Protein backbone atom coordinates (compact mmCIF):
# COMPACT_ATOMS: atom_id res chain seq x y z
CA UNK A 1 0.00 0.00 0.00
CA UNK A 2 1.60 3.19 -1.20
CA UNK A 3 1.67 6.59 0.42
CA UNK A 4 -0.44 8.04 -2.40
CA UNK A 5 -3.30 5.70 -1.55
CA UNK A 6 -3.14 6.63 2.11
CA UNK A 7 -3.06 10.36 1.33
CA UNK A 8 -6.04 9.94 -1.00
CA UNK A 9 -7.96 8.13 1.72
CA UNK A 10 -7.11 10.87 4.24
CA UNK A 11 -8.33 13.57 1.83
CA UNK A 12 -11.54 11.58 1.29
CA UNK A 13 -12.13 11.30 5.03
CA UNK A 14 -11.56 15.03 5.55
CA UNK A 15 -14.02 15.85 2.77
CA UNK A 16 -16.57 13.49 4.31
CA UNK A 17 -16.20 15.10 7.73
CA UNK A 18 -16.79 18.53 6.19
CA UNK A 19 -19.84 17.13 4.37
CA UNK A 20 -21.17 15.61 7.59
CA UNK A 21 -20.78 18.84 9.55
CA UNK A 22 -22.59 20.81 6.86
CA UNK A 23 -25.36 18.20 6.57
CA UNK A 24 -25.91 17.90 10.33
CA UNK A 25 -26.29 21.67 10.49
CA UNK A 26 -29.31 21.48 8.18
CA UNK A 27 -30.69 18.01 8.89
CA UNK A 28 -34.13 19.41 9.76
CA UNK A 29 -34.77 19.98 6.03
CA UNK A 30 -34.68 16.23 5.32
CA UNK A 31 -37.88 14.16 5.42
CA UNK A 32 -36.21 10.79 6.17
CA UNK A 33 -33.90 11.91 8.96
CA UNK A 34 -33.02 8.48 10.38
CA UNK A 35 -32.05 7.09 6.98
CA UNK A 36 -30.11 10.23 6.12
CA UNK A 37 -28.16 10.18 9.38
CA UNK A 38 -27.47 6.46 8.95
CA UNK A 39 -26.01 7.00 5.49
CA UNK A 40 -24.06 10.01 6.73
CA UNK A 41 -22.49 8.11 9.62
CA UNK A 42 -21.86 5.14 7.32
CA UNK A 43 -19.90 7.30 4.90
CA UNK A 44 -17.69 8.40 7.77
CA UNK A 45 -17.04 4.88 9.08
CA UNK A 46 -16.46 2.99 5.82
CA UNK A 47 -13.14 4.66 4.84
CA UNK A 48 -11.76 4.04 8.33
CA UNK A 49 -12.85 0.40 8.24
CA UNK A 50 -11.39 0.01 4.74
CA UNK A 51 -8.10 1.50 5.92
CA UNK A 52 -7.94 -0.87 8.87
CA UNK A 53 -8.82 -3.89 6.74
CA UNK A 54 -6.41 -2.79 4.00
CA UNK A 55 -3.54 -2.48 6.47
CA UNK A 56 -4.32 -5.87 8.03
CA UNK A 57 -4.49 -7.54 4.60
CA UNK A 58 -0.84 -7.34 3.54
CA UNK A 59 -1.36 -9.05 0.17
CA UNK A 60 -2.28 -7.37 -3.09
CA UNK A 61 -5.92 -7.33 -1.97
CA UNK A 62 -5.36 -4.62 0.65
CA UNK A 63 -5.52 -1.74 -1.85
CA UNK A 64 -8.49 -3.46 -3.48
CA UNK A 65 -10.39 -3.34 -0.20
CA UNK A 66 -9.70 0.39 0.03
CA UNK A 67 -10.88 0.90 -3.56
CA UNK A 68 -14.13 -0.96 -2.84
CA UNK A 69 -14.61 1.16 0.28
CA UNK A 70 -14.13 4.36 -1.73
CA UNK A 71 -16.62 3.15 -4.36
CA UNK A 72 -19.11 2.33 -1.61
CA UNK A 73 -18.76 5.84 -0.22
CA UNK A 74 -19.41 7.29 -3.69
CA UNK A 75 -22.63 5.27 -4.02
CA UNK A 76 -23.75 6.22 -0.51
CA UNK A 77 -23.05 9.88 -1.20
CA UNK A 78 -25.25 9.67 -4.29
CA UNK A 79 -28.00 8.15 -2.15
CA UNK A 80 -27.56 10.97 0.38
CA UNK A 81 -28.18 13.47 -2.40
CA UNK A 82 -31.33 11.60 -3.42
CA UNK A 83 -32.64 11.63 0.15
CA UNK A 84 -31.74 15.32 0.52
CA UNK A 85 -33.73 16.17 -2.63
CA UNK A 86 -36.70 14.12 -1.46
CA UNK A 87 -36.46 11.29 -4.00
CA UNK A 88 -37.63 7.87 -2.89
PDB file of N, CA and C in Angstrom:
ATOM      1  N   UNK A   1       0.852  -1.165   0.000  1.00  0.00           N
ATOM      2  CA  UNK A   1       0.000   0.000   0.000  1.00  0.00           C
ATOM      3  C   UNK A   1       0.898   1.228   0.000  1.00  0.00           C
ATOM      4  N   UNK A   2       0.738   2.028  -1.036  1.00  0.00           N
ATOM      5  CA  UNK A   2       1.596   3.194  -1.195  1.00  0.00           C
ATOM      6  C   UNK A   2       1.105   4.404  -0.421  1.00  0.00           C
ATOM      7  N   UNK A   3       1.984   5.372  -0.310  1.00  0.00           N
ATOM      8  CA  UNK A   3       1.670   6.595   0.420  1.00  0.00           C
ATOM      9  C   UNK A   3       0.595   7.396  -0.309  1.00  0.00           C
ATOM     10  N   UNK A   4       0.583   7.317  -1.636  1.00  0.00           N
ATOM     11  CA  UNK A   4      -0.437   8.037  -2.404  1.00  0.00           C
ATOM     12  C   UNK A   4      -1.843   7.574  -2.078  1.00  0.00           C
ATOM     13  N   UNK A   5      -1.993   6.260  -1.899  1.00  0.00           N
ATOM     14  CA  UNK A   5      -3.297   5.702  -1.549  1.00  0.00           C
ATOM     15  C   UNK A   5      -3.736   6.159  -0.165  1.00  0.00           C
ATOM     16  N   UNK A   6      -2.808   6.192   0.758  1.00  0.00           N
ATOM     17  CA  UNK A   6      -3.140   6.633   2.112  1.00  0.00           C
ATOM     18  C   UNK A   6      -3.480   8.125   2.157  1.00  0.00           C
ATOM     19  N   UNK A   7      -2.765   8.923   1.398  1.00  0.00           N
ATOM     20  CA  UNK A   7      -3.056  10.360   1.333  1.00  0.00           C
ATOM     21  C   UNK A   7      -4.432  10.579   0.701  1.00  0.00           C
ATOM     22  N   UNK A   8      -4.724   9.839  -0.363  1.00  0.00           N
ATOM     23  CA  UNK A   8      -6.043   9.941  -0.998  1.00  0.00           C
ATOM     24  C   UNK A   8      -7.165   9.582  -0.046  1.00  0.00           C
ATOM     25  N   UNK A   9      -6.948   8.540   0.751  1.00  0.00           N
ATOM     26  CA  UNK A   9      -7.958   8.128   1.724  1.00  0.00           C
ATOM     27  C   UNK A   9      -8.120   9.178   2.822  1.00  0.00           C
ATOM     28  N   UNK A  10      -7.030   9.806   3.225  1.00  0.00           N
ATOM     29  CA  UNK A  10      -7.107  10.867   4.237  1.00  0.00           C
ATOM     30  C   UNK A  10      -7.864  12.078   3.696  1.00  0.00           C
ATOM     31  N   UNK A  11      -7.617  12.445   2.446  1.00  0.00           N
ATOM     32  CA  UNK A  11      -8.331  13.569   1.829  1.00  0.00           C
ATOM     33  C   UNK A  11      -9.821  13.243   1.727  1.00  0.00           C
ATOM     34  N   UNK A  12     -10.138  11.998   1.354  1.00  0.00           N
ATOM     35  CA  UNK A  12     -11.535  11.575   1.293  1.00  0.00           C
ATOM     36  C   UNK A  12     -12.206  11.696   2.650  1.00  0.00           C
ATOM     37  N   UNK A  13     -11.543  11.250   3.692  1.00  0.00           N
ATOM     38  CA  UNK A  13     -12.129  11.301   5.031  1.00  0.00           C
ATOM     39  C   UNK A  13     -12.343  12.745   5.491  1.00  0.00           C
ATOM     40  N   UNK A  14     -11.402  13.620   5.188  1.00  0.00           N
ATOM     41  CA  UNK A  14     -11.556  15.033   5.554  1.00  0.00           C
ATOM     42  C   UNK A  14     -12.746  15.644   4.817  1.00  0.00           C
ATOM     43  N   UNK A  15     -12.882  15.338   3.537  1.00  0.00           N
ATOM     44  CA  UNK A  15     -14.019  15.848   2.770  1.00  0.00           C
ATOM     45  C   UNK A  15     -15.336  15.313   3.326  1.00  0.00           C
ATOM     46  N   UNK A  16     -15.356  14.061   3.752  1.00  0.00           N
ATOM     47  CA  UNK A  16     -16.573  13.485   4.315  1.00  0.00           C
ATOM     48  C   UNK A  16     -16.925  14.100   5.660  1.00  0.00           C
ATOM     49  N   UNK A  17     -15.929  14.439   6.446  1.00  0.00           N
ATOM     50  CA  UNK A  17     -16.196  15.098   7.732  1.00  0.00           C
ATOM     51  C   UNK A  17     -16.789  16.488   7.487  1.00  0.00           C
ATOM     52  N   UNK A  18     -16.246  17.213   6.526  1.00  0.00           N
ATOM     53  CA  UNK A  18     -16.792  18.532   6.188  1.00  0.00           C
ATOM     54  C   UNK A  18     -18.237  18.385   5.701  1.00  0.00           C
ATOM     55  N   UNK A  19     -18.485  17.379   4.847  1.00  0.00           N
ATOM     56  CA  UNK A  19     -19.843  17.128   4.367  1.00  0.00           C
ATOM     57  C   UNK A  19     -20.786  16.810   5.522  1.00  0.00           C
ATOM     58  N   UNK A  20     -20.330  16.006   6.462  1.00  0.00           N
ATOM     59  CA  UNK A  20     -21.174  15.613   7.592  1.00  0.00           C
ATOM     60  C   UNK A  20     -21.509  16.807   8.474  1.00  0.00           C
ATOM     61  N   UNK A  21     -20.534  17.655   8.724  1.00  0.00           N
ATOM     62  CA  UNK A  21     -20.775  18.837   9.554  1.00  0.00           C
ATOM     63  C   UNK A  21     -21.799  19.749   8.879  1.00  0.00           C
ATOM     64  N   UNK A  22     -21.647  19.954   7.584  1.00  0.00           N
ATOM     65  CA  UNK A  22     -22.586  20.813   6.862  1.00  0.00           C
ATOM     66  C   UNK A  22     -23.980  20.186   6.814  1.00  0.00           C
ATOM     67  N   UNK A  23     -24.057  18.870   6.657  1.00  0.00           N
ATOM     68  CA  UNK A  23     -25.356  18.196   6.574  1.00  0.00           C
ATOM     69  C   UNK A  23     -26.053  18.171   7.930  1.00  0.00           C
ATOM     70  N   UNK A  24     -25.296  17.913   8.999  1.00  0.00           N
ATOM     71  CA  UNK A  24     -25.905  17.904  10.331  1.00  0.00           C
ATOM     72  C   UNK A  24     -26.436  19.279  10.715  1.00  0.00           C
ATOM     73  N   UNK A  25     -25.834  20.326  10.182  1.00  0.00           N
ATOM     74  CA  UNK A  25     -26.289  21.675  10.494  1.00  0.00           C
ATOM     75  C   UNK A  25     -27.669  21.962   9.899  1.00  0.00           C
ATOM     76  N   UNK A  26     -28.030  21.229   8.829  1.00  0.00           N
ATOM     77  CA  UNK A  26     -29.309  21.479   8.176  1.00  0.00           C
ATOM     78  C   UNK A  26     -30.143  20.211   8.047  1.00  0.00           C
ATOM     79  N   UNK A  27     -30.001  19.295   8.976  1.00  0.00           N
ATOM     80  CA  UNK A  27     -30.694  18.010   8.887  1.00  0.00           C
ATOM     81  C   UNK A  27     -32.209  18.147   9.050  1.00  0.00           C
ATOM     82  N   UNK A  28     -32.680  19.248   9.584  1.00  0.00           N
ATOM     83  CA  UNK A  28     -34.125  19.412   9.764  1.00  0.00           C
ATOM     84  C   UNK A  28     -34.862  19.574   8.434  1.00  0.00           C
ATOM     85  N   UNK A  29     -34.146  19.829   7.341  1.00  0.00           N
ATOM     86  CA  UNK A  29     -34.768  19.978   6.030  1.00  0.00           C
ATOM     87  C   UNK A  29     -35.037  18.632   5.347  1.00  0.00           C
ATOM     88  N   UNK A  30     -34.568  17.552   5.934  1.00  0.00           N
ATOM     89  CA  UNK A  30     -34.678  16.232   5.317  1.00  0.00           C
ATOM     90  C   UNK A  30     -35.898  15.509   5.870  1.00  0.00           C
ATOM     91  N   UNK A  31     -36.673  14.882   4.988  1.00  0.00           N
ATOM     92  CA  UNK A  31     -37.879  14.163   5.416  1.00  0.00           C
ATOM     93  C   UNK A  31     -37.528  12.854   6.131  1.00  0.00           C
ATOM     94  N   UNK A  32     -36.607  12.086   5.580  1.00  0.00           N
ATOM     95  CA  UNK A  32     -36.214  10.791   6.169  1.00  0.00           C
ATOM     96  C   UNK A  32     -34.937  10.982   6.981  1.00  0.00           C
ATOM     97  N   UNK A  33     -35.076  11.558   8.162  1.00  0.00           N
ATOM     98  CA  UNK A  33     -33.901  11.913   8.961  1.00  0.00           C
ATOM     99  C   UNK A  33     -33.085  10.710   9.401  1.00  0.00           C
ATOM    100  N   UNK A  34     -33.749   9.652   9.869  1.00  0.00           N
ATOM    101  CA  UNK A  34     -33.018   8.484  10.377  1.00  0.00           C
ATOM    102  C   UNK A  34     -32.190   7.826   9.274  1.00  0.00           C
ATOM    103  N   UNK A  35     -32.780   7.679   8.104  1.00  0.00           N
ATOM    104  CA  UNK A  35     -32.052   7.090   6.975  1.00  0.00           C
ATOM    105  C   UNK A  35     -30.899   7.986   6.566  1.00  0.00           C
ATOM    106  N   UNK A  36     -31.143   9.274   6.511  1.00  0.00           N
ATOM    107  CA  UNK A  36     -30.113  10.229   6.115  1.00  0.00           C
ATOM    108  C   UNK A  36     -28.934  10.199   7.086  1.00  0.00           C
ATOM    109  N   UNK A  37     -29.238  10.208   8.372  1.00  0.00           N
ATOM    110  CA  UNK A  37     -28.164  10.178   9.378  1.00  0.00           C
ATOM    111  C   UNK A  37     -27.412   8.846   9.318  1.00  0.00           C
ATOM    112  N   UNK A  38     -28.130   7.758   9.081  1.00  0.00           N
ATOM    113  CA  UNK A  38     -27.473   6.456   8.948  1.00  0.00           C
ATOM    114  C   UNK A  38     -26.487   6.426   7.793  1.00  0.00           C
ATOM    115  N   UNK A  39     -26.912   6.933   6.643  1.00  0.00           N
ATOM    116  CA  UNK A  39     -26.012   7.002   5.493  1.00  0.00           C
ATOM    117  C   UNK A  39     -24.842   7.935   5.778  1.00  0.00           C
ATOM    118  N   UNK A  40     -25.106   9.046   6.442  1.00  0.00           N
ATOM    119  CA  UNK A  40     -24.060  10.014   6.734  1.00  0.00           C
ATOM    120  C   UNK A  40     -22.996   9.428   7.659  1.00  0.00           C
ATOM    121  N   UNK A  41     -23.438   8.741   8.697  1.00  0.00           N
ATOM    122  CA  UNK A  41     -22.491   8.105   9.620  1.00  0.00           C
ATOM    123  C   UNK A  41     -21.753   6.962   8.906  1.00  0.00           C
ATOM    124  N   UNK A  42     -22.481   6.227   8.072  1.00  0.00           N
ATOM    125  CA  UNK A  42     -21.857   5.139   7.317  1.00  0.00           C
ATOM    126  C   UNK A  42     -20.736   5.624   6.412  1.00  0.00           C
ATOM    127  N   UNK A  43     -20.957   6.772   5.766  1.00  0.00           N
ATOM    128  CA  UNK A  43     -19.905   7.297   4.897  1.00  0.00           C
ATOM    129  C   UNK A  43     -18.666   7.721   5.683  1.00  0.00           C
ATOM    130  N   UNK A  44     -18.845   8.048   6.948  1.00  0.00           N
ATOM    131  CA  UNK A  44     -17.689   8.399   7.774  1.00  0.00           C
ATOM    132  C   UNK A  44     -16.931   7.170   8.258  1.00  0.00           C
ATOM    133  N   UNK A  45     -17.647   6.085   8.493  1.00  0.00           N
ATOM    134  CA  UNK A  45     -17.039   4.885   9.078  1.00  0.00           C
ATOM    135  C   UNK A  45     -16.377   4.002   8.019  1.00  0.00           C
ATOM    136  N   UNK A  46     -16.957   3.925   6.842  1.00  0.00           N
ATOM    137  CA  UNK A  46     -16.458   2.992   5.818  1.00  0.00           C
ATOM    138  C   UNK A  46     -14.998   3.244   5.433  1.00  0.00           C
ATOM    139  N   UNK A  47     -14.557   4.479   5.178  1.00  0.00           N
ATOM    140  CA  UNK A  47     -13.135   4.658   4.843  1.00  0.00           C
ATOM    141  C   UNK A  47     -12.195   4.228   5.969  1.00  0.00           C
ATOM    142  N   UNK A  48     -12.598   4.461   7.208  1.00  0.00           N
ATOM    143  CA  UNK A  48     -11.756   4.038   8.332  1.00  0.00           C
ATOM    144  C   UNK A  48     -11.689   2.516   8.430  1.00  0.00           C
ATOM    145  N   UNK A  49     -12.832   1.859   8.230  1.00  0.00           N
ATOM    146  CA  UNK A  49     -12.852   0.398   8.245  1.00  0.00           C
ATOM    147  C   UNK A  49     -12.056  -0.164   7.078  1.00  0.00           C
ATOM    148  N   UNK A  50     -12.155   0.464   5.907  1.00  0.00           N
ATOM    149  CA  UNK A  50     -11.390   0.011   4.744  1.00  0.00           C
ATOM    150  C   UNK A  50      -9.897   0.191   4.974  1.00  0.00           C
ATOM    151  N   UNK A  51      -9.516   1.281   5.607  1.00  0.00           N
ATOM    152  CA  UNK A  51      -8.100   1.504   5.919  1.00  0.00           C
ATOM    153  C   UNK A  51      -7.592   0.432   6.874  1.00  0.00           C
ATOM    154  N   UNK A  52      -8.351   0.159   7.910  1.00  0.00           N
ATOM    155  CA  UNK A  52      -7.944  -0.870   8.869  1.00  0.00           C
ATOM    156  C   UNK A  52      -7.816  -2.226   8.184  1.00  0.00           C
ATOM    157  N   UNK A  53      -8.829  -2.595   7.420  1.00  0.00           N
ATOM    158  CA  UNK A  53      -8.824  -3.888   6.739  1.00  0.00           C
ATOM    159  C   UNK A  53      -7.704  -3.944   5.697  1.00  0.00           C
ATOM    160  N   UNK A  54      -7.481  -2.846   4.990  1.00  0.00           N
ATOM    161  CA  UNK A  54      -6.415  -2.792   3.996  1.00  0.00           C
ATOM    162  C   UNK A  54      -5.036  -2.919   4.609  1.00  0.00           C
ATOM    163  N   UNK A  55      -4.839  -2.361   5.795  1.00  0.00           N
ATOM    164  CA  UNK A  55      -3.537  -2.482   6.466  1.00  0.00           C
ATOM    165  C   UNK A  55      -3.336  -3.870   7.047  1.00  0.00           C
ATOM    166  N   UNK A  56      -4.426  -4.514   7.489  1.00  0.00           N
ATOM    167  CA  UNK A  56      -4.322  -5.869   8.025  1.00  0.00           C
ATOM    168  C   UNK A  56      -4.037  -6.863   6.905  1.00  0.00           C
ATOM    169  N   UNK A  57      -4.662  -6.659   5.754  1.00  0.00           N
ATOM    170  CA  UNK A  57      -4.493  -7.542   4.597  1.00  0.00           C
ATOM    171  C   UNK A  57      -3.244  -7.097   3.841  1.00  0.00           C
ATOM    172  N   UNK A  58      -2.129  -7.751   4.094  1.00  0.00           N
ATOM    173  CA  UNK A  58      -0.845  -7.342   3.539  1.00  0.00           C
ATOM    174  C   UNK A  58      -0.591  -7.875   2.126  1.00  0.00           C
ATOM    175  N   UNK A  59      -1.549  -8.550   1.528  1.00  0.00           N
ATOM    176  CA  UNK A  59      -1.359  -9.048   0.172  1.00  0.00           C
ATOM    177  C   UNK A  59      -1.772  -7.970  -0.826  1.00  0.00           C
ATOM    178  N   UNK A  60      -1.882  -8.334  -2.069  1.00  0.00           N
ATOM    179  CA  UNK A  60      -2.279  -7.370  -3.095  1.00  0.00           C
ATOM    180  C   UNK A  60      -3.737  -6.955  -2.968  1.00  0.00           C
ATOM    181  N   UNK A  61      -4.501  -7.644  -2.126  1.00  0.00           N
ATOM    182  CA  UNK A  61      -5.920  -7.332  -1.972  1.00  0.00           C
ATOM    183  C   UNK A  61      -6.164  -6.160  -1.031  1.00  0.00           C
ATOM    184  N   UNK A  62      -5.190  -5.749  -0.263  1.00  0.00           N
ATOM    185  CA  UNK A  62      -5.356  -4.618   0.645  1.00  0.00           C
ATOM    186  C   UNK A  62      -5.784  -3.340  -0.060  1.00  0.00           C
ATOM    187  N   UNK A  63      -5.067  -2.919  -1.115  1.00  0.00           N
ATOM    188  CA  UNK A  63      -5.516  -1.736  -1.854  1.00  0.00           C
ATOM    189  C   UNK A  63      -6.872  -1.940  -2.527  1.00  0.00           C
ATOM    190  N   UNK A  64      -7.185  -3.168  -2.890  1.00  0.00           N
ATOM    191  CA  UNK A  64      -8.491  -3.458  -3.481  1.00  0.00           C
ATOM    192  C   UNK A  64      -9.619  -3.215  -2.493  1.00  0.00           C
ATOM    193  N   UNK A  65      -9.381  -3.582  -1.244  1.00  0.00           N
ATOM    194  CA  UNK A  65     -10.388  -3.342  -0.196  1.00  0.00           C
ATOM    195  C   UNK A  65     -10.625  -1.844  -0.041  1.00  0.00           C
ATOM    196  N   UNK A  66      -9.569  -1.065  -0.087  1.00  0.00           N
ATOM    197  CA  UNK A  66      -9.696   0.387   0.030  1.00  0.00           C
ATOM    198  C   UNK A  66     -10.439   0.958  -1.174  1.00  0.00           C
ATOM    199  N   UNK A  67     -10.172   0.439  -2.357  1.00  0.00           N
ATOM    200  CA  UNK A  67     -10.878   0.904  -3.555  1.00  0.00           C
ATOM    201  C   UNK A  67     -12.363   0.585  -3.474  1.00  0.00           C
ATOM    202  N   UNK A  68     -12.714  -0.601  -2.995  1.00  0.00           N
ATOM    203  CA  UNK A  68     -14.125  -0.962  -2.840  1.00  0.00           C
ATOM    204  C   UNK A  68     -14.790  -0.061  -1.799  1.00  0.00           C
ATOM    205  N   UNK A  69     -14.072   0.244  -0.729  1.00  0.00           N
ATOM    206  CA  UNK A  69     -14.611   1.160   0.281  1.00  0.00           C
ATOM    207  C   UNK A  69     -14.870   2.545  -0.289  1.00  0.00           C
ATOM    208  N   UNK A  70     -13.952   3.046  -1.112  1.00  0.00           N
ATOM    209  CA  UNK A  70     -14.134   4.365  -1.728  1.00  0.00           C
ATOM    210  C   UNK A  70     -15.315   4.354  -2.699  1.00  0.00           C
ATOM    211  N   UNK A  71     -15.475   3.265  -3.459  1.00  0.00           N
ATOM    212  CA  UNK A  71     -16.616   3.152  -4.363  1.00  0.00           C
ATOM    213  C   UNK A  71     -17.922   3.123  -3.574  1.00  0.00           C
ATOM    214  N   UNK A  72     -17.926   2.408  -2.459  1.00  0.00           N
ATOM    215  CA  UNK A  72     -19.114   2.333  -1.611  1.00  0.00           C
ATOM    216  C   UNK A  72     -19.487   3.713  -1.084  1.00  0.00           C
ATOM    217  N   UNK A  73     -18.498   4.482  -0.694  1.00  0.00           N
ATOM    218  CA  UNK A  73     -18.758   5.844  -0.216  1.00  0.00           C
ATOM    219  C   UNK A  73     -19.347   6.701  -1.339  1.00  0.00           C
ATOM    220  N   UNK A  74     -18.864   6.523  -2.559  1.00  0.00           N
ATOM    221  CA  UNK A  74     -19.408   7.287  -3.686  1.00  0.00           C
ATOM    222  C   UNK A  74     -20.884   6.956  -3.908  1.00  0.00           C
ATOM    223  N   UNK A  75     -21.227   5.676  -3.842  1.00  0.00           N
ATOM    224  CA  UNK A  75     -22.625   5.269  -4.016  1.00  0.00           C
ATOM    225  C   UNK A  75     -23.486   5.810  -2.881  1.00  0.00           C
ATOM    226  N   UNK A  76     -22.977   5.720  -1.656  1.00  0.00           N
ATOM    227  CA  UNK A  76     -23.750   6.220  -0.512  1.00  0.00           C
ATOM    228  C   UNK A  76     -23.920   7.733  -0.559  1.00  0.00           C
ATOM    229  N   UNK A  77     -22.931   8.441  -1.068  1.00  0.00           N
ATOM    230  CA  UNK A  77     -23.049   9.884  -1.204  1.00  0.00           C
ATOM    231  C   UNK A  77     -24.112  10.245  -2.244  1.00  0.00           C
ATOM    232  N   UNK A  78     -24.181   9.470  -3.307  1.00  0.00           N
ATOM    233  CA  UNK A  78     -25.248   9.669  -4.286  1.00  0.00           C
ATOM    234  C   UNK A  78     -26.617   9.445  -3.675  1.00  0.00           C
ATOM    235  N   UNK A  79     -26.714   8.423  -2.840  1.00  0.00           N
ATOM    236  CA  UNK A  79     -27.996   8.151  -2.154  1.00  0.00           C
ATOM    237  C   UNK A  79     -28.331   9.275  -1.166  1.00  0.00           C
ATOM    238  N   UNK A  80     -27.321   9.830  -0.500  1.00  0.00           N
ATOM    239  CA  UNK A  80     -27.562  10.967   0.383  1.00  0.00           C
ATOM    240  C   UNK A  80     -28.154  12.138  -0.382  1.00  0.00           C
ATOM    241  N   UNK A  81     -27.637  12.379  -1.572  1.00  0.00           N
ATOM    242  CA  UNK A  81     -28.177  13.465  -2.401  1.00  0.00           C
ATOM    243  C   UNK A  81     -29.621  13.198  -2.779  1.00  0.00           C
ATOM    244  N   UNK A  82     -29.949  11.946  -3.098  1.00  0.00           N
ATOM    245  CA  UNK A  82     -31.333  11.597  -3.416  1.00  0.00           C
ATOM    246  C   UNK A  82     -32.245  11.849  -2.222  1.00  0.00           C
ATOM    247  N   UNK A  83     -31.821  11.434  -1.052  1.00  0.00           N
ATOM    248  CA  UNK A  83     -32.638  11.633   0.148  1.00  0.00           C
ATOM    249  C   UNK A  83     -32.783  13.128   0.437  1.00  0.00           C
ATOM    250  N   UNK A  84     -31.709  13.881   0.277  1.00  0.00           N
ATOM    251  CA  UNK A  84     -31.742  15.317   0.519  1.00  0.00           C
ATOM    252  C   UNK A  84     -32.742  16.009  -0.394  1.00  0.00           C
ATOM    253  N   UNK A  85     -32.809  15.562  -1.656  1.00  0.00           N
ATOM    254  CA  UNK A  85     -33.728  16.171  -2.634  1.00  0.00           C
ATOM    255  C   UNK A  85     -35.151  15.614  -2.534  1.00  0.00           C
ATOM    256  N   UNK A  86     -35.375  14.644  -1.667  1.00  0.00           N
ATOM    257  CA  UNK A  86     -36.701  14.124  -1.465  1.00  0.00           C
ATOM    258  C   UNK A  86     -37.093  12.991  -2.389  1.00  0.00           C
ATOM    259  N   UNK A  87     -36.151  12.419  -3.114  1.00  0.00           N
ATOM    260  CA  UNK A  87     -36.461  11.290  -4.000  1.00  0.00           C
ATOM    261  C   UNK A  87     -36.593  10.030  -3.173  1.00  0.00           C
ATOM    262  N   UNK A  88     -37.399   9.103  -3.640  1.00  0.00           N
ATOM    263  CA  UNK A  88     -37.635   7.871  -2.893  1.00  0.00           C
ATOM    264  C   UNK A  88     -36.555   6.870  -3.058  1.00  0.00           C
TER     265      UNK A  88
END
